Amino acid sequence: MILGMTVTECIGQLFGLVAVAISFVAYQMSTQKKILIMNMLVTIAIMINYALIGAVTGMILNIVCIVRNIIFINRDKKIFSYRFYPYLLMVIIGSLSLLTGEGPHAILITIGLMVNTFALSLTNPQATRYTMAISCSFILAYNVFVRSYGGILNEAVAITSSVMGIIRHRRVLSSMEYRNQKKNKPRK
């Protein structure tokens, strides 16, 4: 035992730290597709983290989130382009959460991943960053309950990175809008 954790739990915590490193980069991506690809890697690492520390609801719901990311990454293909997918995935997340029986704290990750699913279904990266900051707050609270230290750090980094991305890309958009207004201004 290390710090009161089994070796398996320690390895699980390491996967949480791997997720942190990937997460920091994820919300700095400039396109929705790149955000989704990076988010998929984070989701895989966190799913393994939850599996190894015994957080059953988190593990099962993150398997659904891997499927979700595959659907959203490929939304330009006809089979994945249907608008009902986000709603179907949110219903699946809610239903599976009820079946795990982990306890009342499982509602935190359920709400977080449902909001997260909605966020990732958006095609606007800036809107995704705003809603991710909200969803990560719920998931962070769940991680406190299940003692996923890597998960806690991961969500804190995701919230920080989302806010940084919001600010960074707002400035870029503002300066682009200013240039476009200047360009389109009629000359006297």
N, C-alpha and C. Protein backbone atom coordinates (compact mmCIF):
# COMPACT_ATOMS: atom_id res chain seq x y z
N MET A 1 0.83 -1.19 0.00
CA MET A 1 0.00 0.00 0.00
C MET A 1 0.87 1.25 0.00
N ILE A 2 0.48 2.17 -0.83
CA ILE A 2 1.17 3.46 -0.91
C ILE A 2 0.15 4.54 -0.59
N LEU A 3 0.43 5.33 0.43
CA LEU A 3 -0.49 6.39 0.86
C LEU A 3 -1.91 5.87 1.06
N GLY A 4 -2.03 4.67 1.59
CA GLY A 4 -3.34 4.09 1.85
C GLY A 4 -4.04 3.55 0.62
N MET A 5 -3.33 3.47 -0.50
CA MET A 5 -3.92 2.95 -1.75
C MET A 5 -3.21 1.67 -2.15
N THR A 6 -3.95 0.80 -2.81
CA THR A 6 -3.33 -0.41 -3.35
C THR A 6 -2.50 -0.02 -4.58
N VAL A 7 -1.70 -0.94 -5.05
CA VAL A 7 -0.89 -0.70 -6.25
C VAL A 7 -1.81 -0.40 -7.44
N THR A 8 -2.91 -1.14 -7.53
CA THR A 8 -3.87 -0.93 -8.63
C THR A 8 -4.44 0.49 -8.58
N GLU A 9 -4.79 0.94 -7.38
CA GLU A 9 -5.32 2.30 -7.24
C GLU A 9 -4.27 3.35 -7.59
N CYS A 10 -3.01 3.10 -7.24
CA CYS A 10 -1.93 4.02 -7.59
C CYS A 10 -1.75 4.12 -9.10
N ILE A 11 -1.82 2.97 -9.76
CA ILE A 11 -1.72 2.97 -11.22
C ILE A 11 -2.91 3.74 -11.81
N GLY A 12 -4.08 3.56 -11.21
CA GLY A 12 -5.25 4.31 -11.65
C GLY A 12 -5.04 5.81 -11.52
N GLN A 13 -4.45 6.22 -10.41
CA GLN A 13 -4.18 7.65 -10.21
C GLN A 13 -3.19 8.17 -11.26
N LEU A 14 -2.23 7.34 -11.67
CA LEU A 14 -1.29 7.74 -12.72
C LEU A 14 -2.01 7.99 -14.04
N PHE A 15 -3.01 7.17 -14.35
CA PHE A 15 -3.78 7.41 -15.57
C PHE A 15 -4.53 8.74 -15.48
N GLY A 16 -4.95 9.10 -14.28
CA GLY A 16 -5.57 10.41 -14.09
C GLY A 16 -4.60 11.53 -14.40
N LEU A 17 -3.33 11.35 -14.03
CA LEU A 17 -2.32 12.37 -14.32
C LEU A 17 -2.01 12.45 -15.81
N VAL A 18 -2.04 11.32 -16.49
CA VAL A 18 -1.86 11.32 -17.95
C VAL A 18 -2.99 12.15 -18.58
N ALA A 19 -4.20 11.97 -18.08
CA ALA A 19 -5.34 12.73 -18.59
C ALA A 19 -5.12 14.23 -18.40
N VAL A 20 -4.51 14.60 -17.28
CA VAL A 20 -4.25 16.01 -17.00
C VAL A 20 -3.38 16.62 -18.09
N ALA A 21 -2.30 15.93 -18.43
CA ALA A 21 -1.38 16.45 -19.44
C ALA A 21 -2.09 16.64 -20.78
N ILE A 22 -2.89 15.68 -21.17
CA ILE A 22 -3.61 15.78 -22.45
C ILE A 22 -4.67 16.87 -22.38
N SER A 23 -5.38 16.94 -21.26
CA SER A 23 -6.47 17.90 -21.09
C SER A 23 -5.99 19.34 -21.22
N PHE A 24 -4.81 19.61 -20.70
CA PHE A 24 -4.31 20.98 -20.75
C PHE A 24 -4.21 21.47 -22.19
N VAL A 25 -3.83 20.58 -23.07
CA VAL A 25 -3.67 20.93 -24.48
C VAL A 25 -5.01 20.94 -25.22
N ALA A 26 -5.95 20.11 -24.79
CA ALA A 26 -7.19 19.88 -25.53
C ALA A 26 -7.97 21.14 -25.86
N TYR A 27 -8.22 21.99 -24.87
CA TYR A 27 -9.10 23.14 -25.10
C TYR A 27 -8.38 24.33 -25.71
N GLN A 28 -7.10 24.14 -25.99
CA GLN A 28 -6.34 25.17 -26.70
C GLN A 28 -6.39 24.93 -28.22
N MET A 29 -6.95 23.80 -28.61
CA MET A 29 -7.04 23.47 -30.03
C MET A 29 -7.94 24.48 -30.75
N SER A 30 -7.64 24.71 -32.01
CA SER A 30 -8.36 25.75 -32.75
C SER A 30 -9.62 25.25 -33.45
N THR A 31 -9.75 23.93 -33.63
CA THR A 31 -10.95 23.41 -34.31
C THR A 31 -11.70 22.45 -33.40
N GLN A 32 -12.97 22.32 -33.69
CA GLN A 32 -13.82 21.42 -32.91
C GLN A 32 -13.34 19.98 -33.03
N LYS A 33 -12.93 19.57 -34.23
CA LYS A 33 -12.49 18.20 -34.44
C LYS A 33 -11.24 17.88 -33.60
N LYS A 34 -10.31 18.82 -33.53
CA LYS A 34 -9.10 18.62 -32.74
C LYS A 34 -9.44 18.56 -31.24
N ILE A 35 -10.38 19.40 -30.81
CA ILE A 35 -10.82 19.35 -29.41
C ILE A 35 -11.39 17.97 -29.11
N LEU A 36 -12.20 17.45 -30.03
CA LEU A 36 -12.84 16.14 -29.82
C LEU A 36 -11.82 15.00 -29.78
N ILE A 37 -10.84 15.05 -30.65
CA ILE A 37 -9.81 14.00 -30.68
C ILE A 37 -9.02 14.00 -29.38
N MET A 38 -8.62 15.19 -28.93
CA MET A 38 -7.88 15.28 -27.67
C MET A 38 -8.77 14.85 -26.50
N ASN A 39 -10.05 15.24 -26.55
CA ASN A 39 -10.98 14.86 -25.49
C ASN A 39 -11.16 13.35 -25.43
N MET A 40 -11.09 12.69 -26.59
CA MET A 40 -11.21 11.23 -26.60
C MET A 40 -10.04 10.59 -25.86
N LEU A 41 -8.84 11.11 -26.05
CA LEU A 41 -7.68 10.57 -25.35
C LEU A 41 -7.80 10.80 -23.84
N VAL A 42 -8.29 11.97 -23.45
CA VAL A 42 -8.53 12.26 -22.04
C VAL A 42 -9.55 11.28 -21.47
N THR A 43 -10.63 11.06 -22.22
CA THR A 43 -11.71 10.17 -21.78
C THR A 43 -11.21 8.75 -21.57
N ILE A 44 -10.37 8.27 -22.46
CA ILE A 44 -9.82 6.91 -22.33
C ILE A 44 -8.96 6.81 -21.06
N ALA A 45 -8.10 7.81 -20.83
CA ALA A 45 -7.24 7.78 -19.65
C ALA A 45 -8.07 7.86 -18.37
N ILE A 46 -9.09 8.70 -18.35
CA ILE A 46 -9.95 8.83 -17.16
C ILE A 46 -10.78 7.57 -16.94
N MET A 47 -11.24 6.96 -18.02
CA MET A 47 -12.01 5.71 -17.88
C MET A 47 -11.15 4.64 -17.21
N ILE A 48 -9.89 4.54 -17.62
CA ILE A 48 -8.98 3.58 -17.00
C ILE A 48 -8.73 3.96 -15.54
N ASN A 49 -8.57 5.25 -15.27
CA ASN A 49 -8.41 5.75 -13.90
C ASN A 49 -9.58 5.30 -13.04
N TYR A 50 -10.81 5.54 -13.50
CA TYR A 50 -11.99 5.16 -12.73
C TYR A 50 -12.06 3.63 -12.53
N ALA A 51 -11.74 2.88 -13.57
CA ALA A 51 -11.79 1.42 -13.47
C ALA A 51 -10.85 0.92 -12.38
N LEU A 52 -9.66 1.48 -12.31
CA LEU A 52 -8.65 1.00 -11.37
C LEU A 52 -8.86 1.48 -9.94
N ILE A 53 -9.60 2.58 -9.76
CA ILE A 53 -9.86 3.04 -8.39
C ILE A 53 -11.24 2.60 -7.90
N GLY A 54 -12.01 1.93 -8.75
CA GLY A 54 -13.31 1.39 -8.33
C GLY A 54 -14.48 2.35 -8.46
N ALA A 55 -14.35 3.37 -9.27
CA ALA A 55 -15.44 4.33 -9.51
C ALA A 55 -16.27 3.83 -10.69
N VAL A 56 -17.20 2.94 -10.40
CA VAL A 56 -17.94 2.20 -11.43
C VAL A 56 -18.75 3.11 -12.35
N THR A 57 -19.49 4.05 -11.79
CA THR A 57 -20.32 4.93 -12.62
C THR A 57 -19.45 5.73 -13.58
N GLY A 58 -18.37 6.30 -13.07
CA GLY A 58 -17.46 7.06 -13.92
C GLY A 58 -16.90 6.23 -15.05
N MET A 59 -16.52 4.99 -14.74
CA MET A 59 -15.96 4.11 -15.77
C MET A 59 -16.99 3.80 -16.85
N ILE A 60 -18.18 3.37 -16.45
CA ILE A 60 -19.21 2.99 -17.42
C ILE A 60 -19.63 4.17 -18.28
N LEU A 61 -19.84 5.32 -17.65
CA LEU A 61 -20.29 6.49 -18.41
C LEU A 61 -19.21 6.98 -19.37
N ASN A 62 -17.95 6.79 -19.01
CA ASN A 62 -16.88 7.21 -19.91
C ASN A 62 -16.74 6.28 -21.11
N ILE A 63 -17.19 5.03 -20.99
CA ILE A 63 -17.25 4.16 -22.17
C ILE A 63 -18.25 4.74 -23.16
N VAL A 64 -19.39 5.20 -22.67
CA VAL A 64 -20.38 5.86 -23.53
C VAL A 64 -19.77 7.12 -24.15
N CYS A 65 -18.97 7.84 -23.38
CA CYS A 65 -18.35 9.06 -23.88
C CYS A 65 -17.32 8.78 -24.99
N ILE A 66 -16.69 7.64 -24.95
CA ILE A 66 -15.77 7.27 -26.04
C ILE A 66 -16.57 7.07 -27.32
N VAL A 67 -17.70 6.38 -27.21
CA VAL A 67 -18.59 6.21 -28.38
C VAL A 67 -19.07 7.57 -28.85
N ARG A 68 -19.46 8.43 -27.91
CA ARG A 68 -19.91 9.78 -28.23
C ARG A 68 -18.85 10.53 -29.04
N ASN A 69 -17.61 10.47 -28.59
CA ASN A 69 -16.56 11.19 -29.29
C ASN A 69 -16.34 10.66 -30.70
N ILE A 70 -16.43 9.35 -30.87
CA ILE A 70 -16.31 8.77 -32.22
C ILE A 70 -17.42 9.31 -33.12
N ILE A 71 -18.63 9.37 -32.60
CA ILE A 71 -19.76 9.90 -33.38
C ILE A 71 -19.51 11.35 -33.75
N PHE A 72 -19.12 12.17 -32.78
CA PHE A 72 -18.94 13.60 -33.05
C PHE A 72 -17.73 13.90 -33.93
N ILE A 73 -16.68 13.12 -33.81
CA ILE A 73 -15.51 13.31 -34.68
C ILE A 73 -15.88 13.04 -36.13
N ASN A 74 -16.78 12.08 -36.33
CA ASN A 74 -17.16 11.67 -37.68
C ASN A 74 -18.50 12.24 -38.13
N ARG A 75 -18.94 13.33 -37.54
CA ARG A 75 -20.26 13.87 -37.86
C ARG A 75 -20.41 14.31 -39.32
N ASP A 76 -19.30 14.44 -40.05
CA ASP A 76 -19.38 14.79 -41.47
C ASP A 76 -19.78 13.60 -42.33
N LYS A 77 -19.78 12.40 -41.77
CA LYS A 77 -20.24 11.20 -42.48
C LYS A 77 -21.73 11.02 -42.20
N LYS A 78 -22.48 10.62 -43.21
CA LYS A 78 -23.94 10.56 -43.12
C LYS A 78 -24.45 9.79 -41.90
N ILE A 79 -23.88 8.63 -41.64
CA ILE A 79 -24.37 7.79 -40.54
C ILE A 79 -24.25 8.48 -39.18
N PHE A 80 -23.29 9.39 -39.04
CA PHE A 80 -23.07 10.08 -37.77
C PHE A 80 -23.61 11.50 -37.75
N SER A 81 -24.32 11.92 -38.79
CA SER A 81 -24.74 13.31 -38.91
C SER A 81 -26.12 13.60 -38.32
N TYR A 82 -26.79 12.61 -37.81
CA TYR A 82 -28.15 12.82 -37.31
C TYR A 82 -28.14 13.66 -36.03
N ARG A 83 -29.08 14.57 -35.94
CA ARG A 83 -29.13 15.50 -34.81
C ARG A 83 -29.61 14.87 -33.51
N PHE A 84 -30.18 13.67 -33.58
CA PHE A 84 -30.70 13.05 -32.37
C PHE A 84 -29.60 12.40 -31.52
N TYR A 85 -28.41 12.22 -32.08
CA TYR A 85 -27.35 11.53 -31.34
C TYR A 85 -27.04 12.15 -29.97
N PRO A 86 -26.85 13.46 -29.87
CA PRO A 86 -26.55 14.01 -28.53
C PRO A 86 -27.64 13.68 -27.51
N TYR A 87 -28.89 13.76 -27.92
CA TYR A 87 -30.01 13.49 -27.01
C TYR A 87 -30.08 12.01 -26.64
N LEU A 88 -29.85 11.14 -27.61
CA LEU A 88 -29.82 9.71 -27.35
C LEU A 88 -28.70 9.37 -26.37
N LEU A 89 -27.53 9.96 -26.59
CA LEU A 89 -26.39 9.70 -25.71
C LEU A 89 -26.65 10.22 -24.30
N MET A 90 -27.31 11.37 -24.19
CA MET A 90 -27.63 11.90 -22.85
C MET A 90 -28.61 10.99 -22.12
N VAL A 91 -29.58 10.41 -22.85
CA VAL A 91 -30.52 9.47 -22.24
C VAL A 91 -29.78 8.20 -21.80
N ILE A 92 -28.88 7.71 -22.63
CA ILE A 92 -28.09 6.52 -22.27
C ILE A 92 -27.25 6.80 -21.03
N ILE A 93 -26.60 7.96 -20.97
CA ILE A 93 -25.78 8.32 -19.81
C ILE A 93 -26.64 8.35 -18.55
N GLY A 94 -27.80 9.00 -18.64
CA GLY A 94 -28.70 9.07 -17.48
C GLY A 94 -29.19 7.71 -17.04
N SER A 95 -29.56 6.88 -18.01
CA SER A 95 -30.08 5.53 -17.69
C SER A 95 -29.02 4.65 -17.06
N LEU A 96 -27.83 4.63 -17.64
CA LEU A 96 -26.75 3.79 -17.09
C LEU A 96 -26.35 4.25 -15.69
N SER A 97 -26.40 5.53 -15.46
CA SER A 97 -26.06 6.04 -14.14
C SER A 97 -27.01 5.50 -13.08
N LEU A 98 -28.28 5.42 -13.42
CA LEU A 98 -29.27 4.89 -12.48
C LEU A 98 -29.03 3.41 -12.19
N LEU A 99 -28.54 2.69 -13.19
CA LEU A 99 -28.33 1.25 -13.04
C LEU A 99 -27.10 0.89 -12.20
N THR A 100 -26.14 1.80 -12.09
CA THR A 100 -24.91 1.45 -11.37
C THR A 100 -25.10 1.40 -9.86
N GLY A 101 -26.02 2.18 -9.34
CA GLY A 101 -26.27 2.17 -7.90
C GLY A 101 -25.09 2.61 -7.05
N GLU A 102 -24.23 3.46 -7.60
CA GLU A 102 -23.03 3.88 -6.87
C GLU A 102 -23.37 4.78 -5.69
N GLY A 103 -24.44 5.52 -5.78
CA GLY A 103 -24.83 6.41 -4.69
C GLY A 103 -25.25 7.77 -5.22
N PRO A 104 -25.73 8.63 -4.32
CA PRO A 104 -26.23 9.94 -4.75
C PRO A 104 -25.18 10.81 -5.43
N HIS A 105 -23.91 10.63 -5.08
CA HIS A 105 -22.87 11.46 -5.70
C HIS A 105 -22.71 11.17 -7.19
N ALA A 106 -23.22 10.03 -7.65
CA ALA A 106 -23.12 9.69 -9.08
C ALA A 106 -23.91 10.66 -9.95
N ILE A 107 -24.88 11.36 -9.36
CA ILE A 107 -25.64 12.36 -10.13
C ILE A 107 -24.72 13.48 -10.62
N LEU A 108 -23.64 13.73 -9.88
CA LEU A 108 -22.71 14.79 -10.28
C LEU A 108 -22.05 14.48 -11.62
N ILE A 109 -21.52 13.27 -11.75
CA ILE A 109 -20.87 12.92 -13.01
C ILE A 109 -21.90 12.76 -14.12
N THR A 110 -23.10 12.33 -13.76
CA THR A 110 -24.16 12.17 -14.76
C THR A 110 -24.51 13.53 -15.35
N ILE A 111 -24.76 14.51 -14.51
CA ILE A 111 -25.08 15.85 -15.01
C ILE A 111 -23.89 16.39 -15.80
N GLY A 112 -22.69 16.24 -15.24
CA GLY A 112 -21.49 16.74 -15.91
C GLY A 112 -21.31 16.15 -17.30
N LEU A 113 -21.49 14.84 -17.43
CA LEU A 113 -21.29 14.20 -18.73
C LEU A 113 -22.44 14.47 -19.70
N MET A 114 -23.63 14.70 -19.17
CA MET A 114 -24.74 15.10 -20.06
C MET A 114 -24.49 16.50 -20.62
N VAL A 115 -24.07 17.43 -19.79
CA VAL A 115 -23.74 18.78 -20.25
C VAL A 115 -22.53 18.70 -21.19
N ASN A 116 -21.57 17.87 -20.84
CA ASN A 116 -20.38 17.67 -21.65
C ASN A 116 -20.75 17.15 -23.04
N THR A 117 -21.70 16.23 -23.09
CA THR A 117 -22.16 15.69 -24.38
C THR A 117 -22.80 16.79 -25.21
N PHE A 118 -23.63 17.60 -24.57
CA PHE A 118 -24.23 18.73 -25.28
C PHE A 118 -23.14 19.67 -25.80
N ALA A 119 -22.16 19.97 -24.94
CA ALA A 119 -21.07 20.88 -25.31
C ALA A 119 -20.31 20.38 -26.53
N LEU A 120 -19.99 19.11 -26.52
CA LEU A 120 -19.20 18.55 -27.62
C LEU A 120 -20.02 18.38 -28.90
N SER A 121 -21.35 18.42 -28.78
CA SER A 121 -22.18 18.32 -29.98
C SER A 121 -22.24 19.65 -30.73
N LEU A 122 -21.83 20.71 -30.08
CA LEU A 122 -21.84 22.03 -30.71
C LEU A 122 -20.75 22.09 -31.77
N THR A 123 -20.96 22.90 -32.76
CA THR A 123 -19.94 23.02 -33.81
C THR A 123 -19.09 24.27 -33.63
N ASN A 124 -19.39 25.06 -32.64
CA ASN A 124 -18.64 26.28 -32.37
C ASN A 124 -17.66 26.01 -31.22
N PRO A 125 -16.36 26.06 -31.49
CA PRO A 125 -15.38 25.76 -30.44
C PRO A 125 -15.50 26.67 -29.22
N GLN A 126 -15.85 27.93 -29.43
CA GLN A 126 -15.96 28.86 -28.31
C GLN A 126 -17.14 28.48 -27.41
N ALA A 127 -18.27 28.12 -28.01
CA ALA A 127 -19.43 27.67 -27.23
C ALA A 127 -19.08 26.38 -26.48
N THR A 128 -18.32 25.52 -27.11
CA THR A 128 -17.87 24.28 -26.46
C THR A 128 -17.04 24.61 -25.22
N ARG A 129 -16.14 25.57 -25.34
CA ARG A 129 -15.30 25.94 -24.20
C ARG A 129 -16.15 26.45 -23.02
N TYR A 130 -17.16 27.27 -23.29
CA TYR A 130 -18.03 27.79 -22.23
C TYR A 130 -18.75 26.65 -21.50
N THR A 131 -19.38 25.75 -22.25
CA THR A 131 -20.15 24.68 -21.61
C THR A 131 -19.24 23.64 -20.96
N MET A 132 -18.04 23.46 -21.48
CA MET A 132 -17.10 22.52 -20.86
C MET A 132 -16.69 23.01 -19.48
N ALA A 133 -16.54 24.31 -19.32
CA ALA A 133 -16.18 24.85 -18.01
C ALA A 133 -17.26 24.50 -16.98
N ILE A 134 -18.52 24.53 -17.41
CA ILE A 134 -19.64 24.19 -16.52
C ILE A 134 -19.65 22.69 -16.23
N SER A 135 -19.56 21.87 -17.28
CA SER A 135 -19.65 20.41 -17.08
C SER A 135 -18.49 19.89 -16.24
N CYS A 136 -17.32 20.46 -16.43
CA CYS A 136 -16.15 20.00 -15.67
C CYS A 136 -16.30 20.27 -14.18
N SER A 137 -17.07 21.29 -13.82
CA SER A 137 -17.29 21.59 -12.40
C SER A 137 -18.05 20.45 -11.71
N PHE A 138 -19.05 19.90 -12.39
CA PHE A 138 -19.79 18.76 -11.83
C PHE A 138 -18.90 17.52 -11.72
N ILE A 139 -18.12 17.28 -12.76
CA ILE A 139 -17.26 16.11 -12.77
C ILE A 139 -16.17 16.24 -11.70
N LEU A 140 -15.67 17.44 -11.49
CA LEU A 140 -14.68 17.68 -10.44
C LEU A 140 -15.26 17.29 -9.08
N ALA A 141 -16.50 17.68 -8.82
CA ALA A 141 -17.14 17.33 -7.54
C ALA A 141 -17.25 15.81 -7.39
N TYR A 142 -17.60 15.11 -8.46
CA TYR A 142 -17.67 13.63 -8.41
C TYR A 142 -16.29 13.06 -8.08
N ASN A 143 -15.26 13.61 -8.69
CA ASN A 143 -13.90 13.12 -8.45
C ASN A 143 -13.48 13.29 -7.00
N VAL A 144 -13.95 14.34 -6.36
CA VAL A 144 -13.67 14.52 -4.93
C VAL A 144 -14.28 13.36 -4.15
N PHE A 145 -15.53 13.00 -4.47
CA PHE A 145 -16.21 11.91 -3.76
C PHE A 145 -15.52 10.57 -3.95
N VAL A 146 -15.05 10.28 -5.17
CA VAL A 146 -14.45 8.96 -5.43
C VAL A 146 -12.94 8.96 -5.21
N ARG A 147 -12.41 10.09 -4.78
CA ARG A 147 -10.98 10.26 -4.50
C ARG A 147 -10.11 9.96 -5.71
N SER A 148 -10.53 10.50 -6.85
CA SER A 148 -9.71 10.40 -8.06
C SER A 148 -8.85 11.67 -8.12
N TYR A 149 -7.65 11.58 -7.55
CA TYR A 149 -6.80 12.75 -7.44
C TYR A 149 -6.37 13.27 -8.81
N GLY A 150 -6.05 12.35 -9.70
CA GLY A 150 -5.75 12.75 -11.08
C GLY A 150 -6.97 13.36 -11.74
N GLY A 151 -8.15 12.78 -11.45
CA GLY A 151 -9.39 13.31 -12.01
C GLY A 151 -9.69 14.71 -11.50
N ILE A 152 -9.44 14.95 -10.20
CA ILE A 152 -9.64 16.29 -9.63
C ILE A 152 -8.74 17.29 -10.34
N LEU A 153 -7.48 16.94 -10.45
CA LEU A 153 -6.52 17.82 -11.12
C LEU A 153 -6.89 17.99 -12.59
N ASN A 154 -7.31 16.91 -13.23
CA ASN A 154 -7.69 16.96 -14.64
C ASN A 154 -8.83 17.95 -14.86
N GLU A 155 -9.86 17.88 -14.03
CA GLU A 155 -11.00 18.78 -14.21
C GLU A 155 -10.62 20.23 -13.88
N ALA A 156 -9.76 20.41 -12.89
CA ALA A 156 -9.30 21.77 -12.57
C ALA A 156 -8.53 22.34 -13.76
N VAL A 157 -7.67 21.52 -14.36
CA VAL A 157 -6.92 21.95 -15.54
C VAL A 157 -7.87 22.19 -16.72
N ALA A 158 -8.86 21.32 -16.89
CA ALA A 158 -9.82 21.49 -17.99
C ALA A 158 -10.60 22.79 -17.84
N ILE A 159 -11.02 23.10 -16.62
CA ILE A 159 -11.74 24.36 -16.37
C ILE A 159 -10.82 25.54 -16.68
N THR A 160 -9.60 25.49 -16.15
CA THR A 160 -8.64 26.57 -16.39
C THR A 160 -8.32 26.71 -17.87
N SER A 161 -8.08 25.59 -18.53
CA SER A 161 -7.76 25.62 -19.95
C SER A 161 -8.94 26.13 -20.78
N SER A 162 -10.16 25.73 -20.41
CA SER A 162 -11.35 26.23 -21.11
C SER A 162 -11.44 27.75 -20.99
N VAL A 163 -11.25 28.25 -19.78
CA VAL A 163 -11.33 29.70 -19.56
C VAL A 163 -10.22 30.41 -20.32
N MET A 164 -9.00 29.84 -20.28
CA MET A 164 -7.89 30.43 -21.05
C MET A 164 -8.21 30.45 -22.54
N GLY A 165 -8.78 29.35 -23.03
CA GLY A 165 -9.17 29.28 -24.45
C GLY A 165 -10.24 30.29 -24.78
N ILE A 166 -11.20 30.47 -23.88
CA ILE A 166 -12.26 31.46 -24.09
C ILE A 166 -11.64 32.84 -24.24
N ILE A 167 -10.75 33.18 -23.31
CA ILE A 167 -10.11 34.51 -23.34
C ILE A 167 -9.23 34.66 -24.57
N ARG A 168 -8.41 33.66 -24.83
CA ARG A 168 -7.48 33.72 -25.97
C ARG A 168 -8.20 33.85 -27.30
N HIS A 169 -9.22 33.03 -27.49
CA HIS A 169 -9.93 33.04 -28.76
C HIS A 169 -10.91 34.21 -28.85
N ARG A 170 -11.33 34.77 -27.73
CA ARG A 170 -12.17 35.96 -27.76
C ARG A 170 -11.35 37.11 -28.30
N ARG A 171 -10.10 37.22 -27.84
CA ARG A 171 -9.21 38.28 -28.33
C ARG A 171 -8.98 38.14 -29.83
N VAL A 172 -8.74 36.91 -30.27
CA VAL A 172 -8.51 36.67 -31.69
C VAL A 172 -9.75 37.07 -32.48
N LEU A 173 -10.93 36.65 -32.02
CA LEU A 173 -12.16 36.99 -32.71
C LEU A 173 -12.40 38.48 -32.68
N SER A 174 -12.14 39.13 -31.55
CA SER A 174 -12.37 40.57 -31.44
C SER A 174 -11.47 41.33 -32.41
N SER A 175 -10.20 40.94 -32.50
CA SER A 175 -9.30 41.66 -33.41
C SER A 175 -9.67 41.39 -34.86
N MET A 176 -10.15 40.17 -35.16
CA MET A 176 -10.60 39.87 -36.52
C MET A 176 -11.85 40.67 -36.86
N GLU A 177 -12.79 40.74 -35.91
CA GLU A 177 -14.00 41.51 -36.14
C GLU A 177 -13.67 42.98 -36.37
N TYR A 178 -12.72 43.52 -35.59
CA TYR A 178 -12.31 44.91 -35.72
C TYR A 178 -11.74 45.16 -37.12
N ARG A 179 -10.86 44.26 -37.57
CA ARG A 179 -10.27 44.41 -38.91
C ARG A 179 -11.33 44.35 -39.99
N ASN A 180 -12.29 43.42 -39.83
CA ASN A 180 -13.36 43.31 -40.82
C ASN A 180 -14.24 44.56 -40.84
N GLN A 181 -14.51 45.13 -39.68
CA GLN A 181 -15.30 46.35 -39.62
C GLN A 181 -14.55 47.49 -40.29
N LYS A 182 -13.26 47.55 -40.04
CA LYS A 182 -12.43 48.60 -40.62
C LYS A 182 -12.39 48.46 -42.14
N LYS A 183 -12.27 47.23 -42.60
CA LYS A 183 -12.22 46.94 -44.04
C LYS A 183 -13.53 47.31 -44.73
N ASN A 184 -14.63 47.01 -44.07
CA ASN A 184 -15.94 47.22 -44.67
C ASN A 184 -16.50 48.61 -44.45
N LYS A 185 -15.77 49.46 -43.75
CA LYS A 185 -16.23 50.81 -43.48
C LYS A 185 -16.19 51.64 -44.77
N PRO A 186 -17.29 52.30 -45.11
CA PRO A 186 -17.27 53.11 -46.33
C PRO A 186 -16.33 54.32 -46.18
N ARG A 187 -15.61 54.60 -47.25
CA ARG A 187 -14.66 55.73 -47.23
C ARG A 187 -15.38 57.00 -47.60
N LYS A 188 -14.93 58.09 -47.00
CA LYS A 188 -15.57 59.40 -47.28
C LYS A 188 -14.80 60.15 -48.30
